[in-house]
Structure formats: C-alpha cells, structure tokens
C-alpha cells in the first residue's frame, strides 16, 4: 500500500502523522479518488488542508469549528465559514459579520475571505474537509470527522489556554474532546438564518475572545477585514 504523504503544514504533519497511516485514512483517500472521477468535489485538492496550512499547530490561539465546506462553485477554500474574495457572502457569514458589527462596531466587510483571521491564529476548521458539488453533507461519515477530531484532541492535550468556539449543536457535540481544565469553551446558537436569532446574535464572542487572550498576556485578534 502506497504511503500517503499529504501536503500539509509541517507542525501539523508531525502531530497527525499516525492518522495518515491508519486504515480509515486510506479508505477516505480511495473514496475521494472515486468521487472525483464522477463528480466535482470542493474545495480543490490543494486547499483541503488550508486551515492547517494558515495556522500552524503552535500558533493556534482560537479554534472555530464548522461542519461542512460550502458546496457551490468557487465558494469553499478550506476555511470554515469563509469564501474567497469576489465570491458573494453566504447567509451564515453575513450573520457573523452582523454580530461582529454589533459586538465591536466593525462595519460589514466587502469580502467574505477570513484568511486574515487564520493568519493570526484562528484555526477555521470544518469537521468534514470535502463535499460533492451541490450536495451538503455528502462526505460526512467517510473518515474526515475521525481526522479532525484527532486534530482537536491533539490541541487539547498538547496546548494550553486555547479558546474553542462552538456555534450550534453539531459543534457543541465536540466538547467531549476538549479538556476544560486547560482550555476555554464559548458556545452559542449557529449563525445560520434558521437559528441566529436564538442566541447567536448578542453572544459577543469576538470581544470575549480578545478579553480572554488579553488576560493571558497573548496578542489579541484584529478582527478587521477589508
């Protein structure tokens, strides 16, 4: 069996090396190869590990958990909730920006690209890292969750004072992976239009994150976007 050698940032690669050698990951790779023969799969291959590549293991300050990549053409680029510059902002992202304005007074940005956050230590991690075009959830339960759960567990075990941001029931179910004696957890309703009015708006997580970082003597996140 040919060894899997993914293109992923080196600190993450060393931390997750054994995951790439486990049977489930070989099965996941085979599944993706077959999917790509029949369908369009998002994000493009080089962007699947984008969250890891922008936020090295030892530089993570905040972990924001999403569920699935966007499944429309040009939307997904490997960072949860984010879309590349020039792509219309999805409804959940618009609500995130509304809360950002409510919390910190920052105006609605023109772009939905959150790479600036990722580069400051916000790990924008989806539980599932790929999706079939126009089919939400189509790559769930194929192995990605095992992999991303391992990433969360490694952060919990090997880092201290991280802030895990869990929006919605799916993300909140990951609480069991996090050592609350070492880390902080912020929870709220999901920012989607279906649930944002039930506890996402008004959560003030952006200011809470920076207050926690400040109290630890860690440089705060500059949440401003273009």
C-alpha atoms as a PDB file:
ATOM      1  CA  UNK A   1       0.000   0.000   0.000  1.00  0.00           C
ATOM      2  CA  UNK A   2       1.483   3.313  -1.098  1.00  0.00           C
ATOM      3  CA  UNK A   3       2.215   5.620   1.827  1.00  0.00           C
ATOM      4  CA  UNK A   4       0.086   8.761   1.983  1.00  0.00           C
ATOM      5  CA  UNK A   5       2.172  11.923   2.033  1.00  0.00           C
ATOM      6  CA  UNK A   6      -0.228  14.880   2.253  1.00  0.00           C
ATOM      7  CA  UNK A   7       0.780  18.453   1.576  1.00  0.00           C
ATOM      8  CA  UNK A   8       0.090  19.908   4.994  1.00  0.00           C
ATOM      9  CA  UNK A   9       1.983  22.366   7.212  1.00  0.00           C
ATOM     10  CA  UNK A  10       4.933  20.624   8.908  1.00  0.00           C
ATOM     11  CA  UNK A  11       3.957  21.052  12.570  1.00  0.00           C
ATOM     12  CA  UNK A  12       0.518  19.618  11.853  1.00  0.00           C
ATOM     13  CA  UNK A  13       2.016  16.856   9.747  1.00  0.00           C
ATOM     14  CA  UNK A  14       4.194  15.657  12.604  1.00  0.00           C
ATOM     15  CA  UNK A  15       1.298  15.953  15.070  1.00  0.00           C
ATOM     16  CA  UNK A  16      -1.118  13.973  12.858  1.00  0.00           C
ATOM     17  CA  UNK A  17       1.311  11.591  11.184  1.00  0.00           C
ATOM     18  CA  UNK A  18      -0.199   8.443  12.648  1.00  0.00           C
ATOM     19  CA  UNK A  19      -3.650   9.448  11.366  1.00  0.00           C
ATOM     20  CA  UNK A  20      -2.379   9.396   7.786  1.00  0.00           C
ATOM     21  CA  UNK A  21      -1.178   5.825   8.341  1.00  0.00           C
ATOM     22  CA  UNK A  22      -4.409   4.459   9.804  1.00  0.00           C
ATOM     23  CA  UNK A  23      -6.749   2.288   7.687  1.00  0.00           C
ATOM     24  CA  UNK A  24      -9.603   4.814   7.759  1.00  0.00           C
ATOM     25  CA  UNK A  25      -7.452   7.432   6.031  1.00  0.00           C
ATOM     26  CA  UNK A  26      -6.555   5.070   3.195  1.00  0.00           C
ATOM     27  CA  UNK A  27     -10.269   4.317   2.805  1.00  0.00           C
ATOM     28  CA  UNK A  28     -11.019   8.049   2.807  1.00  0.00           C
ATOM     29  CA  UNK A  29      -8.421   8.657   0.108  1.00  0.00           C
ATOM     30  CA  UNK A  30      -9.873   5.850  -2.052  1.00  0.00           C
ATOM     31  CA  UNK A  31     -13.355   7.299  -1.592  1.00  0.00           C
ATOM     32  CA  UNK A  32     -12.172  10.750  -2.720  1.00  0.00           C
ATOM     33  CA  UNK A  33     -10.406   9.315  -5.781  1.00  0.00           C
ATOM     34  CA  UNK A  34     -13.647   7.612  -6.846  1.00  0.00           C
ATOM     35  CA  UNK A  35     -15.771  10.685  -6.100  1.00  0.00           C
ATOM     36  CA  UNK A  36     -13.559  12.900  -8.235  1.00  0.00           C
ATOM     37  CA  UNK A  37     -13.959  10.534 -11.191  1.00  0.00           C
ATOM     38  CA  UNK A  38     -17.729  11.100 -11.156  1.00  0.00           C
ATOM     39  CA  UNK A  39     -18.385  14.487  -9.532  1.00  0.00           C
ATOM     40  CA  UNK A  40     -16.926  17.872  -8.797  1.00  0.00           C
ATOM     41  CA  UNK A  41     -15.508  17.920  -5.279  1.00  0.00           C
ATOM     42  CA  UNK A  42     -14.870  21.068  -3.235  1.00  0.00           C
ATOM     43  CA  UNK A  43     -12.571  22.609  -2.192  1.00  0.00           C
ATOM     44  CA  UNK A  44      -9.878  21.988  -4.830  1.00  0.00           C
ATOM     45  CA  UNK A  45      -7.241  19.467  -3.714  1.00  0.00           C
ATOM     46  CA  UNK A  46      -4.509  21.980  -2.778  1.00  0.00           C
ATOM     47  CA  UNK A  47      -6.960  23.799  -0.465  1.00  0.00           C
ATOM     48  CA  UNK A  48      -8.288  20.808   1.509  1.00  0.00           C
ATOM     49  CA  UNK A  49      -5.797  21.413   4.350  1.00  0.00           C
ATOM     50  CA  UNK A  50      -5.893  25.209   4.036  1.00  0.00           C
ATOM     51  CA  UNK A  51      -6.935  25.738   7.677  1.00  0.00           C
ATOM     52  CA  UNK A  52      -3.874  23.832   8.887  1.00  0.00           C
ATOM     53  CA  UNK A  53      -1.547  25.497   6.406  1.00  0.00           C
ATOM     54  CA  UNK A  54      -2.507  29.015   7.520  1.00  0.00           C
ATOM     55  CA  UNK A  55      -2.499  28.266  11.258  1.00  0.00           C
ATOM     56  CA  UNK A  56       0.444  26.108  12.420  1.00  0.00           C
ATOM     57  CA  UNK A  57      -0.106  23.932  15.482  1.00  0.00           C
ATOM     58  CA  UNK A  58       1.925  26.033  17.914  1.00  0.00           C
ATOM     59  CA  UNK A  59       0.406  29.320  16.696  1.00  0.00           C
ATOM     60  CA  UNK A  60      -3.246  28.374  17.250  1.00  0.00           C
ATOM     61  CA  UNK A  61      -4.993  30.723  19.699  1.00  0.00           C
ATOM     62  CA  UNK A  62      -8.648  30.156  18.807  1.00  0.00           C
ATOM     63  CA  UNK A  63     -10.430  27.166  17.256  1.00  0.00           C
ATOM     64  CA  UNK A  64     -13.630  27.965  15.362  1.00  0.00           C
ATOM     65  CA  UNK A  65     -15.463  24.801  14.344  1.00  0.00           C
ATOM     66  CA  UNK A  66     -17.663  24.464  11.289  1.00  0.00           C
ATOM     67  CA  UNK A  67     -19.379  21.379   9.905  1.00  0.00           C
ATOM     68  CA  UNK A  68     -19.098  21.134   6.123  1.00  0.00           C
ATOM     69  CA  UNK A  69     -17.462  23.083   3.286  1.00  0.00           C
ATOM     70  CA  UNK A  70     -19.714  25.216   1.109  1.00  0.00           C
ATOM     71  CA  UNK A  71     -20.890  23.141  -1.857  1.00  0.00           C
ATOM     72  CA  UNK A  72     -21.311  25.808  -4.542  1.00  0.00           C
ATOM     73  CA  UNK A  73     -18.752  26.503  -7.280  1.00  0.00           C
ATOM     74  CA  UNK A  74     -15.929  28.754  -6.088  1.00  0.00           C
ATOM     75  CA  UNK A  75     -17.135  29.020  -2.500  1.00  0.00           C
ATOM     76  CA  UNK A  76     -15.064  26.549  -0.466  1.00  0.00           C
ATOM     77  CA  UNK A  77     -11.380  27.264   0.101  1.00  0.00           C
ATOM     78  CA  UNK A  78     -10.616  25.175   3.146  1.00  0.00           C
ATOM     79  CA  UNK A  79     -11.501  27.681   5.893  1.00  0.00           C
ATOM     80  CA  UNK A  80     -14.822  27.252   7.708  1.00  0.00           C
ATOM     81  CA  UNK A  81     -17.430  29.977   7.086  1.00  0.00           C
ATOM     82  CA  UNK A  82     -15.005  31.755   4.702  1.00  0.00           C
ATOM     83  CA  UNK A  83     -15.303  32.352   0.945  1.00  0.00           C
ATOM     84  CA  UNK A  84     -12.609  33.680  -1.413  1.00  0.00           C
ATOM     85  CA  UNK A  85     -12.519  37.338  -2.352  1.00  0.00           C
ATOM     86  CA  UNK A  86     -15.091  38.190  -5.018  1.00  0.00           C
ATOM     87  CA  UNK A  87     -17.500  35.398  -4.015  1.00  0.00           C
ATOM     88  CA  UNK A  88     -20.880  36.512  -2.573  1.00  0.00           C
ATOM     89  CA  UNK A  89     -21.103  36.108   1.199  1.00  0.00           C
ATOM     90  CA  UNK A  90     -23.330  33.193   2.308  1.00  0.00           C
ATOM     91  CA  UNK A  91     -26.114  33.915   4.837  1.00  0.00           C
ATOM     92  CA  UNK A  92     -24.286  32.460   7.870  1.00  0.00           C
ATOM     93  CA  UNK A  93     -21.229  34.584   7.127  1.00  0.00           C
ATOM     94  CA  UNK A  94     -23.361  37.707   6.762  1.00  0.00           C
ATOM     95  CA  UNK A  95     -24.773  36.985  10.228  1.00  0.00           C
ATOM     96  CA  UNK A  96     -21.259  36.534  11.630  1.00  0.00           C
ATOM     97  CA  UNK A  97     -20.383  39.964  10.252  1.00  0.00           C
ATOM     98  CA  UNK A  98     -23.581  41.443  11.748  1.00  0.00           C
ATOM     99  CA  UNK A  99     -22.536  40.138  15.165  1.00  0.00           C
ATOM    100  CA  UNK A 100     -19.019  41.486  14.611  1.00  0.00           C
ATOM    101  CA  UNK A 101     -20.536  44.916  13.977  1.00  0.00           C
ATOM    102  CA  UNK A 102     -22.853  44.593  16.985  1.00  0.00           C
ATOM    103  CA  UNK A 103     -20.008  43.464  19.252  1.00  0.00           C
ATOM    104  CA  UNK A 104     -17.071  45.578  18.117  1.00  0.00           C
ATOM    105  CA  UNK A 105     -18.590  48.230  15.855  1.00  0.00           C
ATOM    106  CA  UNK A 106     -16.736  46.937  12.796  1.00  0.00           C
ATOM    107  CA  UNK A 107     -18.544  47.636   9.510  1.00  0.00           C
ATOM    108  CA  UNK A 108     -19.679  44.880   7.149  1.00  0.00           C
ATOM    109  CA  UNK A 109     -16.575  43.946   5.119  1.00  0.00           C
ATOM    110  CA  UNK A 110     -16.719  43.876   1.336  1.00  0.00           C
ATOM    111  CA  UNK A 111     -15.113  40.423   1.209  1.00  0.00           C
ATOM    112  CA  UNK A 112     -16.014  37.170   2.952  1.00  0.00           C
ATOM    113  CA  UNK A 113     -12.408  35.960   2.982  1.00  0.00           C
ATOM    114  CA  UNK A 114     -11.365  35.159   6.576  1.00  0.00           C
ATOM    115  CA  UNK A 115      -7.732  34.303   5.762  1.00  0.00           C
ATOM    116  CA  UNK A 116      -6.634  37.335   7.803  1.00  0.00           C
ATOM    117  CA  UNK A 117      -8.086  35.676  10.904  1.00  0.00           C
ATOM    118  CA  UNK A 118      -6.453  32.330  10.095  1.00  0.00           C
ATOM    119  CA  UNK A 119      -3.058  34.018   9.773  1.00  0.00           C
ATOM    120  CA  UNK A 120      -3.446  35.453  13.296  1.00  0.00           C
ATOM    121  CA  UNK A 121      -4.071  32.111  14.970  1.00  0.00           C
ATOM    122  CA  UNK A 122      -7.760  31.392  14.408  1.00  0.00           C
ATOM    123  CA  UNK A 123      -7.998  27.782  13.211  1.00  0.00           C
ATOM    124  CA  UNK A 124     -11.029  27.803  10.902  1.00  0.00           C
ATOM    125  CA  UNK A 125     -11.693  24.081  10.954  1.00  0.00           C
ATOM    126  CA  UNK A 126     -14.573  22.209   9.345  1.00  0.00           C
ATOM    127  CA  UNK A 127     -15.331  18.752  10.750  1.00  0.00           C
ATOM    128  CA  UNK A 128     -15.601  17.427   7.179  1.00  0.00           C
ATOM    129  CA  UNK A 129     -12.982  18.759   4.783  1.00  0.00           C
ATOM    130  CA  UNK A 130     -14.555  17.975   1.393  1.00  0.00           C
ATOM    131  CA  UNK A 131     -18.007  17.902  -0.198  1.00  0.00           C
ATOM    132  CA  UNK A 132     -19.620  16.925  -3.515  1.00  0.00           C
ATOM    133  CA  UNK A 133     -20.925  19.808  -5.635  1.00  0.00           C
ATOM    134  CA  UNK A 134     -24.435  20.894  -4.600  1.00  0.00           C
ATOM    135  CA  UNK A 135     -24.771  18.097  -2.025  1.00  0.00           C
ATOM    136  CA  UNK A 136     -24.396  19.315   1.526  1.00  0.00           C
ATOM    137  CA  UNK A 137     -23.111  16.648   3.908  1.00  0.00           C
ATOM    138  CA  UNK A 138     -22.220  14.257   1.081  1.00  0.00           C
ATOM    139  CA  UNK A 139     -18.762  13.473   2.501  1.00  0.00           C
ATOM    140  CA  UNK A 140     -19.796  13.083   6.115  1.00  0.00           C
ATOM    141  CA  UNK A 141     -19.066   9.802   7.914  1.00  0.00           C
ATOM    142  CA  UNK A 142     -16.306   8.859   5.472  1.00  0.00           C
ATOM    143  CA  UNK A 143     -13.389   9.453   7.837  1.00  0.00           C
ATOM    144  CA  UNK A 144     -12.889  13.198   7.891  1.00  0.00           C
ATOM    145  CA  UNK A 145     -14.537  13.536  11.313  1.00  0.00           C
ATOM    146  CA  UNK A 146     -12.108  10.997  12.769  1.00  0.00           C
ATOM    147  CA  UNK A 147      -9.241  13.055  11.383  1.00  0.00           C
ATOM    148  CA  UNK A 148     -10.489  16.457  12.557  1.00  0.00           C
ATOM    149  CA  UNK A 149     -11.456  15.027  15.961  1.00  0.00           C
ATOM    150  CA  UNK A 150      -7.835  13.875  16.247  1.00  0.00           C
ATOM    151  CA  UNK A 151      -6.665  17.411  15.457  1.00  0.00           C
ATOM    152  CA  UNK A 152      -8.924  18.843  18.187  1.00  0.00           C
ATOM    153  CA  UNK A 153      -7.752  16.201  20.663  1.00  0.00           C
ATOM    154  CA  UNK A 154      -4.083  16.921  19.933  1.00  0.00           C
ATOM    155  CA  UNK A 155      -4.649  20.632  20.510  1.00  0.00           C
ATOM    156  CA  UNK A 156      -6.454  19.885  23.753  1.00  0.00           C
ATOM    157  CA  UNK A 157      -3.682  17.606  25.019  1.00  0.00           C
ATOM    158  CA  UNK A 158      -0.578  19.478  23.861  1.00  0.00           C
ATOM    159  CA  UNK A 159      -1.563  23.142  24.128  1.00  0.00           C
ATOM    160  CA  UNK A 160      -2.793  25.332  26.983  1.00  0.00           C
ATOM    161  CA  UNK A 161      -5.232  28.242  27.125  1.00  0.00           C
ATOM    162  CA  UNK A 162      -6.885  27.818  23.735  1.00  0.00           C
ATOM    163  CA  UNK A 163     -10.351  29.232  23.087  1.00  0.00           C
ATOM    164  CA  UNK A 164     -12.717  26.789  21.387  1.00  0.00           C
ATOM    165  CA  UNK A 165     -15.701  28.485  19.753  1.00  0.00           C
ATOM    166  CA  UNK A 166     -18.637  26.124  19.237  1.00  0.00           C
ATOM    167  CA  UNK A 167     -21.610  27.532  17.317  1.00  0.00           C
ATOM    168  CA  UNK A 168     -24.610  25.230  17.015  1.00  0.00           C
ATOM    169  CA  UNK A 169     -25.374  21.741  18.287  1.00  0.00           C
ATOM    170  CA  UNK A 170     -23.029  19.958  15.895  1.00  0.00           C
ATOM    171  CA  UNK A 171     -20.011  21.932  17.085  1.00  0.00           C
ATOM    172  CA  UNK A 172     -21.115  21.735  20.727  1.00  0.00           C
ATOM    173  CA  UNK A 173     -21.011  17.932  20.481  1.00  0.00           C
ATOM    174  CA  UNK A 174     -17.204  18.260  20.228  1.00  0.00           C
ATOM    175  CA  UNK A 175     -16.990  19.464  23.859  1.00  0.00           C
ATOM    176  CA  UNK A 176     -16.066  15.956  24.974  1.00  0.00           C
ATOM    177  CA  UNK A 177     -12.774  16.219  23.042  1.00  0.00           C
ATOM    178  CA  UNK A 178     -11.663  19.322  24.960  1.00  0.00           C
ATOM    179  CA  UNK A 179     -10.018  19.383  28.390  1.00  0.00           C
ATOM    180  CA  UNK A 180     -11.879  22.222  30.102  1.00  0.00           C
ATOM    181  CA  UNK A 181      -9.283  22.395  32.866  1.00  0.00           C
ATOM    182  CA  UNK A 182      -6.759  23.580  30.247  1.00  0.00           C
ATOM    183  CA  UNK A 183      -8.901  25.488  27.757  1.00  0.00           C
ATOM    184  CA  UNK A 184     -11.868  27.843  27.353  1.00  0.00           C
ATOM    185  CA  UNK A 185     -15.090  26.991  25.514  1.00  0.00           C
ATOM    186  CA  UNK A 186     -17.532  29.574  24.135  1.00  0.00           C
ATOM    187  CA  UNK A 187     -20.895  28.309  22.862  1.00  0.00           C
ATOM    188  CA  UNK A 188     -23.803  29.922  21.041  1.00  0.00           C
ATOM    189  CA  UNK A 189     -26.504  29.098  18.521  1.00  0.00           C
ATOM    190  CA  UNK A 190     -25.377  28.600  14.920  1.00  0.00           C
ATOM    191  CA  UNK A 191     -25.170  31.794  12.819  1.00  0.00           C
ATOM    192  CA  UNK A 192     -27.403  30.360  10.080  1.00  0.00           C
ATOM    193  CA  UNK A 193     -30.644  32.309   9.419  1.00  0.00           C
ATOM    194  CA  UNK A 194     -32.593  29.405  10.941  1.00  0.00           C
ATOM    195  CA  UNK A 195     -31.035  29.775  14.390  1.00  0.00           C
ATOM    196  CA  UNK A 196     -29.108  33.063  14.605  1.00  0.00           C
ATOM    197  CA  UNK A 197     -31.877  34.855  16.493  1.00  0.00           C
ATOM    198  CA  UNK A 198     -31.926  32.098  19.142  1.00  0.00           C
ATOM    199  CA  UNK A 199     -28.690  33.061  20.850  1.00  0.00           C
ATOM    200  CA  UNK A 200     -26.073  33.795  18.204  1.00  0.00           C
ATOM    201  CA  UNK A 201     -26.862  37.487  17.890  1.00  0.00           C
ATOM    202  CA  UNK A 202     -25.655  39.143  21.061  1.00  0.00           C
ATOM    203  CA  UNK A 203     -23.186  36.404  22.048  1.00  0.00           C
ATOM    204  CA  UNK A 204     -20.311  38.919  21.801  1.00  0.00           C
ATOM    205  CA  UNK A 205     -17.786  36.158  21.249  1.00  0.00           C
ATOM    206  CA  UNK A 206     -15.319  38.384  19.397  1.00  0.00           C
ATOM    207  CA  UNK A 207     -14.818  40.696  22.365  1.00  0.00           C
ATOM    208  CA  UNK A 208     -14.878  37.743  24.782  1.00  0.00           C
ATOM    209  CA  UNK A 209     -12.086  36.045  22.830  1.00  0.00           C
ATOM    210  CA  UNK A 210      -9.917  39.143  22.970  1.00  0.00           C
ATOM    211  CA  UNK A 211     -10.593  39.652  26.679  1.00  0.00           C
ATOM    212  CA  UNK A 212      -9.505  36.073  27.378  1.00  0.00           C
ATOM    213  CA  UNK A 213      -6.369  36.457  25.232  1.00  0.00           C
ATOM    214  CA  UNK A 214      -5.556  39.760  26.898  1.00  0.00           C
ATOM    215  CA  UNK A 215      -5.919  38.229  30.364  1.00  0.00           C
ATOM    216  CA  UNK A 216      -3.425  35.517  29.361  1.00  0.00           C
ATOM    217  CA  UNK A 217      -0.965  38.076  28.001  1.00  0.00           C
ATOM    218  CA  UNK A 218      -1.492  36.817  24.451  1.00  0.00           C
ATOM    219  CA  UNK A 219      -1.779  39.199  21.492  1.00  0.00           C
ATOM    220  CA  UNK A 220      -5.410  39.843  20.632  1.00  0.00           C
ATOM    221  CA  UNK A 221      -7.017  39.077  17.268  1.00  0.00           C
ATOM    222  CA  UNK A 222      -7.517  42.036  14.952  1.00  0.00           C
ATOM    223  CA  UNK A 223     -10.968  41.152  13.610  1.00  0.00           C
ATOM    224  CA  UNK A 224     -10.991  43.885  10.954  1.00  0.00           C
ATOM    225  CA  UNK A 225     -11.488  42.724   7.362  1.00  0.00           C
ATOM    226  CA  UNK A 226     -11.448  44.580   4.075  1.00  0.00           C
END
